[in-house]
Amino acid sequence: MAPMTAAGEEMHALVERLYPLCRSITGDGVRATLEIVGEYIPLQVNEVPTGTQVLDWTVPQEWNIRDAYIADPAGNRVVDFAASSLHVLGYSVPVSATMPLSELRAHLHTLPDHPAWVPYRTSYYTPEWGFCLAQKTLDALPDGEYEVRIDSTLTDGHLTYAEHVVPGQVTDEVIVSCHVCHPSLANDNLAGIAVATFLARALAQETPYYTYRFIYAPGTIGAITWLARNAERVNGVSPARSEPRAGGRVKHGLVLACAGDPGQLTYKQSRRGNAEIDRVMRHVLEASERPHHVAEFTPYGYDERQFCSPGFDLGVGSLSRTPYAGYPEYHTSADNLDFVSPEAMADTLALCREAFALLDRNRRYVNLSPYGEPQLGRRGLYDALGGRSDTKQAQMAMLWVLNLSDGEHSLLDVAERSGLPFDTVAAAAGALRDADLIKT
């Protein structure tokens, strides 16, 4: 089995393990998820107490649930949390009551256009309770008295997130973020968790230039909490201080979501639109000849909108296959284990590795012999190319690198301007550096 095929199968197996767990923005489901991920890579788990101020938000109470059901007049459980965590409105307050179907209907959520699917719904910041069920199930319910029970708790506790760091040659960081708050939804976002985890494992086998920080956090409130606790790492100063940004360690970033569906790859650019990660992703997608789409930034979506908020304005884009809300199965029970494939996740992982390999090598050099063209032959550089099938291309790459090594142009600039493959340009730069003709 090829390495990428094997990785795809392993990622799908991880998704399968995580799928039954009931996750939310807080609670034991998040901890159980991180415990499983921790079997694959070491994690630093962080617990932030309820009531902690995080930027303009406050860490909410912790929600946990043990059981929930609706029993019909005959005592049969017609909706059962034990069958799927999607059946309960996320963050439902506890309830134990008997009521007629006419009253219960106000608390039931369905998808009339997809009568066999169960929707995913939440009520994080408004005290509410409810159930999600298939429209065909609702249509079959007879009138009568129904027993309704949600055995949940909302108490002071913690918000939980985790980090994994792959040390690099420099302390400048690339962040990779995925959200861990969705319950039984395979593509959104268990596939993103799996790809992030296997990307971290792959980078750990290399010696990357940048330090890579993987963030596993609940959507929105988790990213906001991480930013609040890492503001100086990100900006160089705290948001509470009035000094201008001094510049922090985080140089690039990528949010991973919806990474396993059959659609084409989609890259959503950062707020800047011309950040280095944007250029790298565009270049790699185009060079790979994969079907793909590059989307402009919008302040809606996943946690790229937190990292790209104007006070931080990080160079963080988002990679998915079909984007959020772009496929009918989104936020429904049809986003199941059959909807994601090992092949799609392996392809997403491969693209990430290609992009980060380019990012790691994208340097700006200075020509140490800028007055006229240095004699390459006496340094053995032309001889070293002899016999190569791409000799002329490699020679041109050396000339382009020498000409554009002015401290302003990166190797990606050279590749794009010359039309040469980035790998050829990077190899030429390595040979010139070894010959002491350029330096960073």
Protein backbone atom coordinates (compact mmCIF):
# COMPACT_ATOMS: atom_id res chain seq x y z
CA MET A 1 0.00 0.00 0.00
CA ALA A 2 1.40 3.43 -0.96
CA PRO A 3 2.27 5.73 1.98
CA MET A 4 -0.48 8.25 1.20
CA THR A 5 -3.07 5.49 0.77
CA ALA A 6 -2.03 4.04 4.11
CA ALA A 7 -2.25 7.48 5.74
CA GLY A 8 -5.73 7.92 4.27
CA GLU A 9 -6.90 4.65 5.78
CA GLU A 10 -5.42 5.58 9.16
CA MET A 11 -7.06 8.99 9.09
CA HIS A 12 -10.42 7.44 8.26
CA ALA A 13 -9.97 5.03 11.17
CA LEU A 14 -9.32 8.02 13.47
CA VAL A 15 -12.48 9.73 12.21
CA GLU A 16 -14.39 6.52 12.91
CA ARG A 17 -13.13 6.45 16.51
CA LEU A 18 -14.06 10.08 17.11
CA TYR A 19 -17.43 10.00 15.34
CA PRO A 20 -19.65 8.70 18.19
CA LEU A 21 -18.44 11.25 20.76
CA CYS A 22 -20.71 14.13 21.74
CA ARG A 23 -18.59 17.27 21.40
CA SER A 24 -19.54 20.85 22.11
CA ILE A 25 -17.68 24.08 22.85
CA THR A 26 -16.91 22.76 26.34
CA GLY A 27 -17.19 19.52 28.24
CA ASP A 28 -16.08 15.94 28.51
CA GLY A 29 -16.64 15.23 24.81
CA VAL A 30 -13.86 17.66 23.92
CA ARG A 31 -11.58 16.09 26.52
CA ALA A 32 -12.31 12.58 25.26
CA THR A 33 -11.57 13.73 21.70
CA LEU A 34 -8.24 15.24 22.72
CA GLU A 35 -7.37 12.13 24.70
CA ILE A 36 -7.73 10.04 21.53
CA VAL A 37 -5.75 12.53 19.43
CA GLY A 38 -3.13 12.39 22.18
CA GLU A 39 -2.52 8.75 21.33
CA TYR A 40 -1.21 9.90 17.94
CA ILE A 41 0.76 13.03 18.93
CA PRO A 42 1.67 14.50 22.33
CA LEU A 43 -0.69 17.31 23.33
CA GLN A 44 -0.49 20.11 25.85
CA VAL A 45 -4.07 20.37 27.13
CA ASN A 46 -5.19 23.74 28.51
CA GLU A 47 -8.19 24.32 30.77
CA VAL A 48 -9.57 27.87 30.99
CA PRO A 49 -12.09 28.50 33.83
CA THR A 50 -15.67 29.62 33.29
CA GLY A 51 -15.94 33.38 33.63
CA THR A 52 -12.48 34.14 32.25
CA GLN A 53 -12.52 37.28 30.12
CA VAL A 54 -11.10 36.52 26.68
CA LEU A 55 -11.00 39.63 24.51
CA ASP A 56 -14.65 40.74 24.18
CA TRP A 57 -15.99 37.34 25.23
CA THR A 58 -16.36 35.39 28.47
CA VAL A 59 -15.67 31.68 28.80
CA PRO A 60 -19.13 30.12 29.26
CA GLN A 61 -20.33 27.48 31.65
CA GLU A 62 -19.33 23.91 30.87
CA TRP A 63 -21.99 21.69 29.31
CA ASN A 64 -22.16 17.93 29.74
CA ILE A 65 -24.90 15.46 28.88
CA ARG A 66 -25.50 11.88 29.98
CA ASP A 67 -28.80 10.93 28.36
CA ALA A 68 -31.75 12.37 26.48
CA TYR A 69 -34.84 10.98 24.81
CA ILE A 70 -38.42 11.48 23.75
CA ALA A 71 -40.76 8.59 24.60
CA ASP A 72 -44.11 8.24 22.84
CA PRO A 73 -47.42 7.47 24.61
CA ALA A 74 -46.56 3.76 24.54
CA GLY A 75 -43.21 4.37 26.22
CA ASN A 76 -41.06 3.79 23.12
CA ARG A 77 -38.03 6.03 22.67
CA VAL A 78 -38.74 7.66 19.32
CA VAL A 79 -35.79 10.05 19.61
CA ASP A 80 -32.73 8.82 21.51
CA PHE A 81 -29.45 10.60 22.25
CA ALA A 82 -27.84 7.18 22.66
CA ALA A 83 -28.41 6.55 18.94
CA SER A 84 -26.79 9.84 17.83
CA SER A 85 -25.44 12.90 19.59
CA LEU A 86 -27.10 15.03 16.88
CA HIS A 87 -30.53 14.28 18.37
CA VAL A 88 -30.11 16.89 21.11
CA LEU A 89 -29.92 20.64 20.58
CA GLY A 90 -26.36 21.48 21.63
CA TYR A 91 -26.13 23.10 25.07
CA SER A 92 -29.71 22.17 25.94
CA VAL A 93 -30.63 22.95 29.52
CA PRO A 94 -31.95 19.99 31.52
CA VAL A 95 -35.61 19.09 31.23
CA SER A 96 -37.84 16.38 32.63
CA ALA A 97 -41.48 16.74 31.66
CA THR A 98 -44.54 15.23 30.06
CA MET A 99 -46.33 17.26 27.41
CA PRO A 100 -48.64 16.87 24.42
CA LEU A 101 -47.13 16.64 20.94
CA SER A 102 -48.63 20.04 20.08
CA GLU A 103 -46.51 21.65 22.80
CA LEU A 104 -43.42 19.55 22.08
CA ARG A 105 -43.34 20.60 18.42
CA ALA A 106 -41.95 24.04 19.31
CA HIS A 107 -38.79 22.31 20.55
CA LEU A 108 -38.28 20.00 17.57
CA HIS A 109 -35.94 20.69 14.63
CA THR A 110 -36.15 18.88 11.29
CA LEU A 111 -35.13 19.24 7.63
CA PRO A 112 -38.33 19.06 5.55
CA ASP A 113 -36.34 19.13 2.30
CA HIS A 114 -34.35 16.07 3.42
CA PRO A 115 -36.91 14.09 5.44
CA ALA A 116 -34.52 11.22 6.30
CA TRP A 117 -31.72 13.45 7.69
CA VAL A 118 -31.27 14.79 11.22
CA PRO A 119 -30.05 18.41 11.47
CA TYR A 120 -27.28 19.71 13.74
CA ARG A 121 -28.44 22.65 15.84
CA THR A 122 -27.05 24.46 18.89
CA SER A 123 -28.06 27.09 21.45
CA TYR A 124 -24.74 27.99 23.04
CA TYR A 125 -25.53 31.37 24.56
CA THR A 126 -29.31 31.28 24.99
CA PRO A 127 -30.88 28.99 27.63
CA GLU A 128 -33.01 26.62 25.58
CA TRP A 129 -33.72 22.95 25.08
CA GLY A 130 -34.69 20.93 22.07
CA PHE A 131 -34.33 17.84 19.94
CA CYS A 132 -33.32 17.23 16.33
CA LEU A 133 -34.94 14.43 14.37
CA ALA A 134 -35.80 13.28 10.87
CA GLN A 135 -38.90 14.85 9.36
CA LYS A 136 -40.22 11.39 8.52
CA THR A 137 -39.95 10.44 12.22
CA LEU A 138 -41.90 13.54 13.21
CA ASP A 139 -44.56 12.88 10.58
CA ALA A 140 -45.12 9.39 12.01
CA LEU A 141 -45.67 10.55 15.61
CA PRO A 142 -49.24 10.12 16.87
CA ASP A 143 -50.95 12.70 19.04
CA GLY A 144 -50.75 12.12 22.76
CA GLU A 145 -48.59 12.74 25.81
CA TYR A 146 -44.80 12.44 25.39
CA GLU A 147 -42.16 11.98 28.03
CA VAL A 148 -39.28 14.38 27.47
CA ARG A 149 -35.96 14.04 29.27
CA ILE A 150 -32.60 15.77 28.87
CA ASP A 151 -30.12 14.77 31.55
CA SER A 152 -27.59 17.57 31.12
CA THR A 153 -25.67 19.99 33.31
CA LEU A 154 -24.54 23.58 32.84
CA THR A 155 -22.07 24.40 35.60
CA ASP A 156 -18.96 26.42 36.19
CA GLY A 157 -16.09 24.43 34.72
CA HIS A 158 -13.62 24.95 31.91
CA LEU A 159 -13.11 25.49 28.21
CA THR A 160 -10.59 22.95 26.94
CA TYR A 161 -8.17 23.29 24.04
CA ALA A 162 -4.87 21.65 23.16
CA GLU A 163 -1.64 22.41 21.32
CA HIS A 164 1.08 20.35 19.69
CA VAL A 165 4.38 21.95 18.67
CA VAL A 166 6.80 20.64 16.05
CA PRO A 167 10.09 22.50 16.73
CA GLY A 168 11.76 24.12 13.76
CA GLN A 169 15.13 25.63 12.95
CA VAL A 170 13.72 29.06 13.90
CA THR A 171 11.19 30.14 16.50
CA ASP A 172 8.99 31.90 13.94
CA GLU A 173 5.74 29.94 13.83
CA VAL A 174 3.19 28.56 11.42
CA ILE A 175 -0.11 27.82 13.15
CA VAL A 176 -2.44 25.06 11.97
CA SER A 177 -5.90 25.23 13.52
CA CYS A 178 -8.91 22.91 13.53
CA HIS A 179 -12.09 23.05 15.58
CA VAL A 180 -13.11 20.27 17.96
CA CYS A 181 -16.62 21.34 18.95
CA HIS A 182 -18.83 19.50 16.46
CA PRO A 183 -20.52 16.21 17.45
CA SER A 184 -21.07 13.34 14.99
CA LEU A 185 -20.13 15.17 11.79
CA ALA A 186 -17.41 13.34 9.86
CA ASN A 187 -16.38 16.03 7.40
CA ASP A 188 -17.07 19.04 9.59
CA ASN A 189 -14.78 18.70 11.32
CA LEU A 190 -13.41 15.27 12.19
CA ALA A 191 -11.63 15.06 8.83
CA GLY A 192 -9.86 18.34 9.64
CA ILE A 193 -8.76 16.97 13.01
CA ALA A 194 -7.43 13.81 11.34
CA VAL A 195 -5.53 15.68 8.60
CA ALA A 196 -4.01 18.08 11.15
CA THR A 197 -2.90 15.19 13.32
CA PHE A 198 -1.24 13.28 10.50
CA LEU A 199 0.32 16.47 9.16
CA ALA A 200 1.89 17.02 12.58
CA ARG A 201 3.21 13.46 12.57
CA ALA A 202 4.71 13.92 9.10
CA LEU A 203 6.42 17.21 10.00
CA ALA A 204 7.90 15.63 13.13
CA GLN A 205 9.78 13.19 10.87
CA GLU A 206 11.46 16.10 9.10
CA THR A 207 13.53 19.08 10.21
CA PRO A 208 11.24 21.97 9.29
CA TYR A 209 12.52 25.51 9.01
CA TYR A 210 9.56 27.04 10.83
CA THR A 211 8.15 25.92 14.15
CA TYR A 212 4.68 24.47 13.57
CA ARG A 213 2.02 24.95 16.27
CA PHE A 214 -1.14 22.86 15.95
CA ILE A 215 -4.21 24.20 17.75
CA TYR A 216 -7.20 21.98 18.56
CA ALA A 217 -9.90 24.29 19.93
CA PRO A 218 -13.66 24.79 19.94
CA GLY A 219 -14.85 27.04 17.11
CA THR A 220 -15.00 30.81 17.67
CA ILE A 221 -14.74 30.91 21.48
CA GLY A 222 -11.77 28.52 21.42
CA ALA A 223 -9.81 30.53 18.86
CA ILE A 224 -10.68 33.75 20.69
CA THR A 225 -9.48 32.20 23.95
CA TRP A 226 -6.22 31.07 22.32
CA LEU A 227 -5.65 34.54 20.86
CA ALA A 228 -6.37 36.21 24.20
CA ARG A 229 -3.85 33.95 25.94
CA ASN A 230 -1.23 34.26 23.19
CA ALA A 231 -1.59 37.89 22.13
CA GLU A 232 2.07 38.74 22.69
CA ARG A 233 3.15 35.62 20.77
CA VAL A 234 0.91 36.78 17.92
CA ASN A 235 1.30 40.57 17.92
CA GLY A 236 4.32 41.24 20.08
CA VAL A 237 2.17 43.29 22.50
CA SER A 238 -1.02 42.74 24.48
CA PRO A 239 -4.29 44.10 22.99
CA ALA A 240 -4.82 45.85 26.34
CA ARG A 241 -1.81 48.08 25.68
CA SER A 242 -1.89 51.03 23.34
CA GLU A 243 1.49 50.59 21.69
CA PRO A 244 1.54 49.69 18.00
CA ARG A 245 2.15 46.06 17.12
CA ALA A 246 5.75 45.03 17.57
CA GLY A 247 5.37 41.87 15.49
CA GLY A 248 5.13 38.44 17.04
CA ARG A 249 6.29 34.94 16.29
CA VAL A 250 3.27 33.81 14.25
CA LYS A 251 4.18 34.44 10.61
CA HIS A 252 1.79 32.19 8.69
CA GLY A 253 -1.20 29.95 9.35
CA LEU A 254 -3.84 27.62 7.99
CA VAL A 255 -7.28 26.62 9.25
CA LEU A 256 -8.26 23.07 8.28
CA ALA A 257 -11.93 22.15 7.89
CA CYS A 258 -14.16 19.95 5.71
CA ALA A 259 -11.07 18.04 4.62
CA GLY A 260 -12.54 14.67 3.59
CA ASP A 261 -15.48 15.12 1.22
CA PRO A 262 -15.38 14.26 -2.50
CA GLY A 263 -15.30 17.88 -3.70
CA GLN A 264 -12.35 19.76 -5.16
CA LEU A 265 -9.87 21.58 -2.92
CA THR A 266 -10.80 25.13 -1.93
CA TYR A 267 -8.43 27.69 -0.47
CA LYS A 268 -9.88 30.79 1.18
CA GLN A 269 -7.35 33.59 1.29
CA SER A 270 -6.42 35.58 4.37
CA ARG A 271 -7.80 39.05 5.01
CA ARG A 272 -4.64 40.48 3.45
CA GLY A 273 -5.14 38.53 0.24
CA ASN A 274 -1.43 38.76 -0.58
CA ALA A 275 0.05 37.14 2.53
CA GLU A 276 2.84 34.68 1.87
CA ILE A 277 0.60 31.73 2.74
CA ASP A 278 -1.91 32.98 0.13
CA ARG A 279 0.74 33.08 -2.58
CA VAL A 280 2.14 29.70 -1.55
CA MET A 281 -1.26 28.01 -1.60
CA ARG A 282 -2.21 29.54 -4.94
CA HIS A 283 1.12 28.48 -6.47
CA VAL A 284 1.01 24.92 -5.16
CA LEU A 285 -2.59 24.37 -6.19
CA GLU A 286 -1.92 25.69 -9.68
CA ALA A 287 1.34 23.77 -10.09
CA SER A 288 -0.26 20.53 -8.89
CA GLU A 289 -2.91 20.73 -11.64
CA ARG A 290 -5.52 19.59 -9.12
CA PRO A 291 -9.06 20.84 -9.69
CA HIS A 292 -9.36 23.65 -7.18
CA HIS A 293 -10.92 26.99 -6.31
CA VAL A 294 -9.34 30.01 -4.64
CA ALA A 295 -11.85 32.16 -2.75
CA GLU A 296 -11.55 35.71 -1.51
CA PHE A 297 -11.61 36.39 2.23
CA THR A 298 -14.94 37.02 3.90
CA PRO A 299 -15.44 37.65 7.66
CA TYR A 300 -17.66 34.57 7.89
CA GLY A 301 -16.73 30.93 8.09
CA TYR A 302 -14.33 29.19 10.45
CA ASP A 303 -11.65 30.53 12.74
CA GLU A 304 -9.68 32.26 10.00
CA ARG A 305 -12.01 35.18 10.74
CA GLN A 306 -10.65 35.35 14.32
CA PHE A 307 -7.00 35.13 13.29
CA CYS A 308 -7.69 37.69 10.54
CA SER A 309 -9.61 40.14 12.75
CA PRO A 310 -8.12 43.60 12.17
CA GLY A 311 -6.28 43.83 15.48
CA PHE A 312 -4.34 40.66 14.70
CA ASP A 313 -4.50 40.60 10.87
CA LEU A 314 -2.48 37.41 10.64
CA GLY A 315 -1.57 35.76 7.37
CA VAL A 316 -3.94 32.84 7.98
CA GLY A 317 -6.02 31.24 5.25
CA SER A 318 -8.40 28.31 5.27
CA LEU A 319 -8.14 25.03 3.38
CA SER A 320 -11.12 22.77 2.79
CA ARG A 321 -12.55 20.65 0.05
CA THR A 322 -16.17 21.75 -0.41
CA PRO A 323 -16.48 24.87 1.77
CA TYR A 324 -18.80 25.17 4.78
CA ALA A 325 -22.50 25.19 3.84
CA GLY A 326 -21.50 24.32 0.27
CA TYR A 327 -22.84 20.76 0.26
CA PRO A 328 -26.31 19.49 1.19
CA GLU A 329 -24.95 17.14 3.86
CA TYR A 330 -23.42 20.06 5.81
CA HIS A 331 -24.55 20.10 9.46
CA THR A 332 -26.75 17.03 9.04
CA SER A 333 -26.60 13.33 9.86
CA ALA A 334 -25.68 12.72 6.20
CA ASP A 335 -22.22 14.07 7.03
CA ASN A 336 -21.33 10.58 8.18
CA LEU A 337 -18.49 8.09 7.83
CA ASP A 338 -19.54 7.21 4.28
CA PHE A 339 -19.36 10.87 3.21
CA VAL A 340 -15.61 11.13 3.84
CA SER A 341 -13.03 8.99 2.11
CA PRO A 342 -9.42 7.96 2.79
CA GLU A 343 -8.50 9.17 -0.70
CA ALA A 344 -9.87 12.68 -0.15
CA MET A 345 -8.17 13.06 3.23
CA ALA A 346 -4.90 11.74 1.80
CA ASP A 347 -5.13 14.30 -1.01
CA THR A 348 -5.75 17.14 1.47
CA LEU A 349 -2.80 15.96 3.55
CA ALA A 350 -0.56 15.77 0.48
CA LEU A 351 -1.47 19.31 -0.54
CA CYS A 352 -0.64 20.59 2.97
CA ARG A 353 2.73 18.88 2.89
CA GLU A 354 3.51 20.31 -0.54
CA ALA A 355 2.55 23.81 0.58
CA PHE A 356 4.57 23.72 3.78
CA ALA A 357 7.58 22.25 1.98
CA LEU A 358 7.50 25.30 -0.30
CA LEU A 359 6.87 27.73 2.56
CA ASP A 360 9.83 26.29 4.48
CA ARG A 361 12.19 26.88 1.54
CA ASN A 362 10.89 30.27 0.42
CA ARG A 363 13.80 32.54 1.35
CA ARG A 364 15.04 35.94 0.29
CA TYR A 365 18.69 35.94 -0.71
CA VAL A 366 21.32 38.59 -1.34
CA ASN A 367 23.74 38.24 -4.26
CA LEU A 368 27.31 38.43 -2.93
CA SER A 369 28.69 39.14 -6.41
CA PRO A 370 26.12 41.57 -7.81
CA TYR A 371 28.35 43.53 -10.21
CA GLY A 372 28.14 41.59 -13.41
CA GLU A 373 27.40 37.91 -13.69
CA PRO A 374 29.75 35.74 -11.59
CA GLN A 375 31.70 33.07 -13.40
CA LEU A 376 29.79 29.88 -12.66
CA GLY A 377 32.03 27.55 -14.66
CA ARG A 378 35.13 28.01 -12.52
CA ARG A 379 33.07 27.25 -9.47
CA GLY A 380 31.98 23.94 -10.97
CA LEU A 381 28.32 24.97 -11.07
CA TYR A 382 27.84 24.36 -14.79
CA ASP A 383 29.83 21.11 -14.59
CA ALA A 384 27.59 19.92 -11.77
CA LEU A 385 24.64 20.19 -14.15
CA GLY A 386 26.17 18.08 -16.90
CA GLY A 387 24.09 15.15 -18.01
CA ARG A 388 20.86 16.37 -16.41
CA SER A 389 17.80 16.24 -18.59
CA ASP A 390 16.85 19.71 -17.38
CA THR A 391 20.31 21.26 -17.68
CA LYS A 392 19.14 24.35 -19.54
CA GLN A 393 16.29 24.90 -17.09
CA ALA A 394 18.65 24.52 -14.13
CA GLN A 395 21.10 26.99 -15.67
CA MET A 396 18.33 29.50 -16.21
CA ALA A 397 17.21 29.04 -12.62
CA MET A 398 20.72 29.94 -11.40
CA LEU A 399 20.76 33.07 -13.53
CA TRP A 400 17.30 34.11 -12.34
CA VAL A 401 18.18 33.51 -8.68
CA LEU A 402 21.39 35.55 -9.03
CA ASN A 403 19.57 38.39 -10.74
CA LEU A 404 16.70 38.62 -8.28
CA SER A 405 18.69 37.98 -5.10
CA ASP A 406 18.49 41.57 -3.91
CA GLY A 407 17.00 40.93 -0.48
CA GLU A 408 13.57 41.93 -1.76
CA HIS A 409 12.56 38.98 -3.93
CA SER A 410 11.77 35.55 -2.53
CA LEU A 411 12.34 32.27 -4.33
CA LEU A 412 8.60 32.16 -4.99
CA ASP A 413 8.96 35.54 -6.70
CA VAL A 414 11.73 34.04 -8.83
CA ALA A 415 9.66 30.99 -9.75
CA GLU A 416 6.60 33.04 -10.68
CA ARG A 417 8.53 35.63 -12.69
CA SER A 418 10.69 33.08 -14.50
CA GLY A 419 7.98 30.49 -15.04
CA LEU A 420 10.32 27.82 -13.68
CA PRO A 421 9.27 25.13 -11.19
CA PHE A 422 9.82 26.17 -7.59
CA ASP A 423 11.80 22.99 -6.87
CA THR A 424 14.23 23.86 -9.68
CA VAL A 425 14.62 27.41 -8.36
CA ALA A 426 15.17 26.17 -4.79
CA ALA A 427 17.80 23.66 -5.97
CA ALA A 428 19.60 26.41 -7.87
CA ALA A 429 19.56 28.63 -4.80
CA GLY A 430 21.02 25.81 -2.72
CA ALA A 431 23.88 25.33 -5.18
CA LEU A 432 24.59 29.07 -5.28
CA ARG A 433 24.50 29.31 -1.52
CA ASP A 434 26.93 26.41 -1.18
CA ALA A 435 29.25 28.23 -3.61
CA ASP A 436 29.10 31.37 -1.40
CA LEU A 437 27.49 33.40 -4.16
CA ILE A 438 24.28 34.23 -2.22
CA LYS A 439 23.26 34.42 1.41
CA THR A 440 20.08 34.96 3.36
